[in-house]
Amino acid sequence: MSTFEYKDAVKKLQEEGHISLLDFKSLAYEDLDELFEEIRKWCVYSNGKPEKLKKESKKDKKKKK
């Protein structure tokens, strides 16, 4: 399992405003797919404000239930 996860990617985007390709490469496919979908929504509906990115992934929400 990779050490870099969805929540780490979101945190990095919020703090630094960018994420490296190496970080993308280390994400699991599920996390990568969800992150791209979230970035797409974030750019369209949130005007690119970093604080509006969802910090919790769908996978983490399922684990809590």
N, C-alpha and C. Protein backbone atom coordinates (compact mmCIF):
# COMPACT_ATOMS: atom_id res chain seq x y z
N MET A 1 0.85 -1.18 0.00
CA MET A 1 0.00 0.00 0.00
C MET A 1 0.89 1.25 0.00
N SER A 2 0.50 2.23 -0.75
CA SER A 2 1.30 3.44 -0.84
C SER A 2 1.17 4.29 0.42
N THR A 3 2.21 5.04 0.72
CA THR A 3 2.18 5.89 1.90
C THR A 3 1.53 7.23 1.62
N PHE A 4 1.47 7.62 0.37
CA PHE A 4 0.86 8.88 -0.02
C PHE A 4 -0.59 8.58 -0.41
N GLU A 5 -1.55 9.18 0.30
CA GLU A 5 -2.97 8.89 0.11
C GLU A 5 -3.73 10.14 -0.29
N TYR A 6 -5.02 9.97 -0.51
CA TYR A 6 -5.91 11.06 -0.91
C TYR A 6 -5.81 12.25 0.03
N LYS A 7 -5.91 11.98 1.34
CA LYS A 7 -5.89 13.08 2.32
C LYS A 7 -4.56 13.83 2.29
N ASP A 8 -3.47 13.13 2.01
CA ASP A 8 -2.16 13.78 1.89
C ASP A 8 -2.11 14.68 0.66
N ALA A 9 -2.69 14.21 -0.42
CA ALA A 9 -2.71 15.00 -1.66
C ALA A 9 -3.53 16.27 -1.48
N VAL A 10 -4.68 16.15 -0.84
CA VAL A 10 -5.53 17.32 -0.61
C VAL A 10 -4.82 18.32 0.30
N LYS A 11 -4.19 17.82 1.35
CA LYS A 11 -3.46 18.68 2.28
C LYS A 11 -2.35 19.44 1.54
N LYS A 12 -1.63 18.73 0.69
CA LYS A 12 -0.55 19.36 -0.07
C LYS A 12 -1.09 20.42 -1.04
N LEU A 13 -2.21 20.11 -1.69
CA LEU A 13 -2.82 21.09 -2.60
C LEU A 13 -3.28 22.33 -1.84
N GLN A 14 -3.84 22.14 -0.66
CA GLN A 14 -4.32 23.28 0.12
C GLN A 14 -3.16 24.13 0.63
N GLU A 15 -2.09 23.50 1.07
CA GLU A 15 -0.97 24.24 1.64
C GLU A 15 -0.07 24.86 0.58
N GLU A 16 0.26 24.10 -0.46
CA GLU A 16 1.25 24.55 -1.44
C GLU A 16 0.64 25.03 -2.75
N GLY A 17 -0.59 24.60 -3.03
CA GLY A 17 -1.25 25.01 -4.26
C GLY A 17 -0.88 24.17 -5.47
N HIS A 18 -0.06 23.15 -5.26
CA HIS A 18 0.33 22.26 -6.37
C HIS A 18 0.69 20.89 -5.81
N ILE A 19 0.79 19.94 -6.72
CA ILE A 19 1.18 18.58 -6.36
C ILE A 19 2.08 18.06 -7.49
N SER A 20 3.10 17.32 -7.13
CA SER A 20 4.06 16.87 -8.14
C SER A 20 3.55 15.61 -8.85
N LEU A 21 4.12 15.36 -10.00
CA LEU A 21 3.77 14.16 -10.75
C LEU A 21 4.20 12.90 -10.02
N LEU A 22 5.28 12.97 -9.27
CA LEU A 22 5.71 11.82 -8.48
C LEU A 22 4.69 11.47 -7.40
N ASP A 23 4.06 12.51 -6.82
CA ASP A 23 3.00 12.27 -5.84
C ASP A 23 1.79 11.62 -6.51
N PHE A 24 1.44 12.10 -7.69
CA PHE A 24 0.34 11.47 -8.44
C PHE A 24 0.66 10.00 -8.71
N LYS A 25 1.90 9.74 -9.07
CA LYS A 25 2.31 8.38 -9.39
C LYS A 25 2.21 7.45 -8.18
N SER A 26 2.43 7.98 -7.00
CA SER A 26 2.42 7.14 -5.80
C SER A 26 1.03 6.91 -5.23
N LEU A 27 0.02 7.60 -5.77
CA LEU A 27 -1.36 7.40 -5.30
C LEU A 27 -1.94 6.11 -5.87
N ALA A 28 -2.78 5.47 -5.10
CA ALA A 28 -3.50 4.29 -5.59
C ALA A 28 -4.49 4.75 -6.65
N TYR A 29 -4.87 3.85 -7.54
CA TYR A 29 -5.77 4.21 -8.64
C TYR A 29 -7.09 4.79 -8.13
N GLU A 30 -7.67 4.19 -7.09
CA GLU A 30 -8.94 4.70 -6.52
C GLU A 30 -8.79 6.14 -6.05
N ASP A 31 -7.69 6.41 -5.31
CA ASP A 31 -7.46 7.75 -4.79
C ASP A 31 -7.20 8.74 -5.92
N LEU A 32 -6.47 8.31 -6.92
CA LEU A 32 -6.16 9.17 -8.05
C LEU A 32 -7.44 9.55 -8.81
N ASP A 33 -8.27 8.56 -9.05
CA ASP A 33 -9.53 8.80 -9.75
C ASP A 33 -10.41 9.76 -8.95
N GLU A 34 -10.51 9.54 -7.65
CA GLU A 34 -11.33 10.41 -6.81
C GLU A 34 -10.75 11.82 -6.73
N LEU A 35 -9.42 11.93 -6.65
CA LEU A 35 -8.78 13.24 -6.59
C LEU A 35 -9.02 14.03 -7.87
N PHE A 36 -8.90 13.39 -9.02
CA PHE A 36 -9.17 14.09 -10.28
C PHE A 36 -10.62 14.56 -10.36
N GLU A 37 -11.53 13.74 -9.91
CA GLU A 37 -12.95 14.12 -9.92
C GLU A 37 -13.18 15.31 -8.98
N GLU A 38 -12.57 15.27 -7.81
CA GLU A 38 -12.72 16.36 -6.84
C GLU A 38 -12.09 17.65 -7.36
N ILE A 39 -10.94 17.56 -8.00
CA ILE A 39 -10.30 18.75 -8.57
C ILE A 39 -11.18 19.35 -9.66
N ARG A 40 -11.79 18.50 -10.47
CA ARG A 40 -12.68 18.97 -11.53
C ARG A 40 -13.86 19.76 -10.93
N LYS A 41 -14.50 19.20 -9.91
CA LYS A 41 -15.62 19.89 -9.24
C LYS A 41 -15.14 21.17 -8.57
N TRP A 42 -14.00 21.09 -7.92
CA TRP A 42 -13.43 22.20 -7.19
C TRP A 42 -13.16 23.39 -8.11
N CYS A 43 -12.62 23.13 -9.28
CA CYS A 43 -12.32 24.21 -10.23
C CYS A 43 -13.59 24.85 -10.78
N VAL A 44 -14.63 24.06 -11.01
CA VAL A 44 -15.86 24.58 -11.59
C VAL A 44 -16.74 25.28 -10.56
N TYR A 45 -16.95 24.64 -9.43
CA TYR A 45 -17.94 25.15 -8.47
C TYR A 45 -17.36 25.97 -7.31
N SER A 46 -16.08 25.83 -7.02
CA SER A 46 -15.50 26.51 -5.86
C SER A 46 -14.51 27.60 -6.24
N ASN A 47 -14.43 27.91 -7.50
CA ASN A 47 -13.53 28.95 -8.00
C ASN A 47 -12.08 28.75 -7.58
N GLY A 48 -11.67 27.50 -7.38
CA GLY A 48 -10.28 27.20 -7.07
C GLY A 48 -9.83 27.57 -5.67
N LYS A 49 -10.75 27.77 -4.73
CA LYS A 49 -10.37 28.10 -3.36
C LYS A 49 -9.92 26.83 -2.65
N PRO A 50 -8.67 26.79 -2.19
CA PRO A 50 -8.12 25.57 -1.60
C PRO A 50 -8.89 25.04 -0.40
N GLU A 51 -9.47 25.92 0.40
CA GLU A 51 -10.19 25.46 1.59
C GLU A 51 -11.48 24.71 1.25
N LYS A 52 -11.93 24.77 0.02
CA LYS A 52 -13.16 24.11 -0.39
C LYS A 52 -12.95 22.66 -0.86
N LEU A 53 -11.71 22.21 -0.94
CA LEU A 53 -11.45 20.82 -1.32
C LEU A 53 -11.93 19.88 -0.22
N LYS A 54 -12.54 18.78 -0.61
CA LYS A 54 -12.97 17.79 0.38
C LYS A 54 -11.75 17.09 0.95
N LYS A 55 -11.69 17.05 2.28
CA LYS A 55 -10.53 16.45 2.93
C LYS A 55 -10.68 14.95 3.11
N GLU A 56 -11.89 14.45 3.08
CA GLU A 56 -12.12 13.04 3.33
C GLU A 56 -12.56 12.36 2.04
N SER A 57 -11.97 11.24 1.76
CA SER A 57 -12.33 10.51 0.56
C SER A 57 -13.56 9.65 0.79
N LYS A 58 -14.18 9.22 -0.29
CA LYS A 58 -15.35 8.34 -0.20
C LYS A 58 -14.98 7.03 0.47
N LYS A 59 -13.78 6.56 0.21
CA LYS A 59 -13.29 5.31 0.78
C LYS A 59 -13.23 5.41 2.32
N ASP A 60 -12.76 6.55 2.83
CA ASP A 60 -12.68 6.76 4.28
C ASP A 60 -14.06 6.85 4.90
N LYS A 61 -15.00 7.46 4.19
CA LYS A 61 -16.37 7.56 4.70
C LYS A 61 -17.02 6.18 4.83
N LYS A 62 -16.72 5.29 3.87
CA LYS A 62 -17.27 3.93 3.91
C LYS A 62 -16.71 3.16 5.10
N LYS A 63 -15.44 3.39 5.42
CA LYS A 63 -14.81 2.70 6.54
C LYS A 63 -15.45 3.07 7.87
N LYS A 64 -15.90 4.33 8.00
CA LYS A 64 -16.50 4.79 9.24
C LYS A 64 -17.85 4.15 9.50
N LYS A 65 -18.57 3.79 8.45
CA LYS A 65 -19.91 3.20 8.61
C LYS A 65 -19.88 1.80 9.05
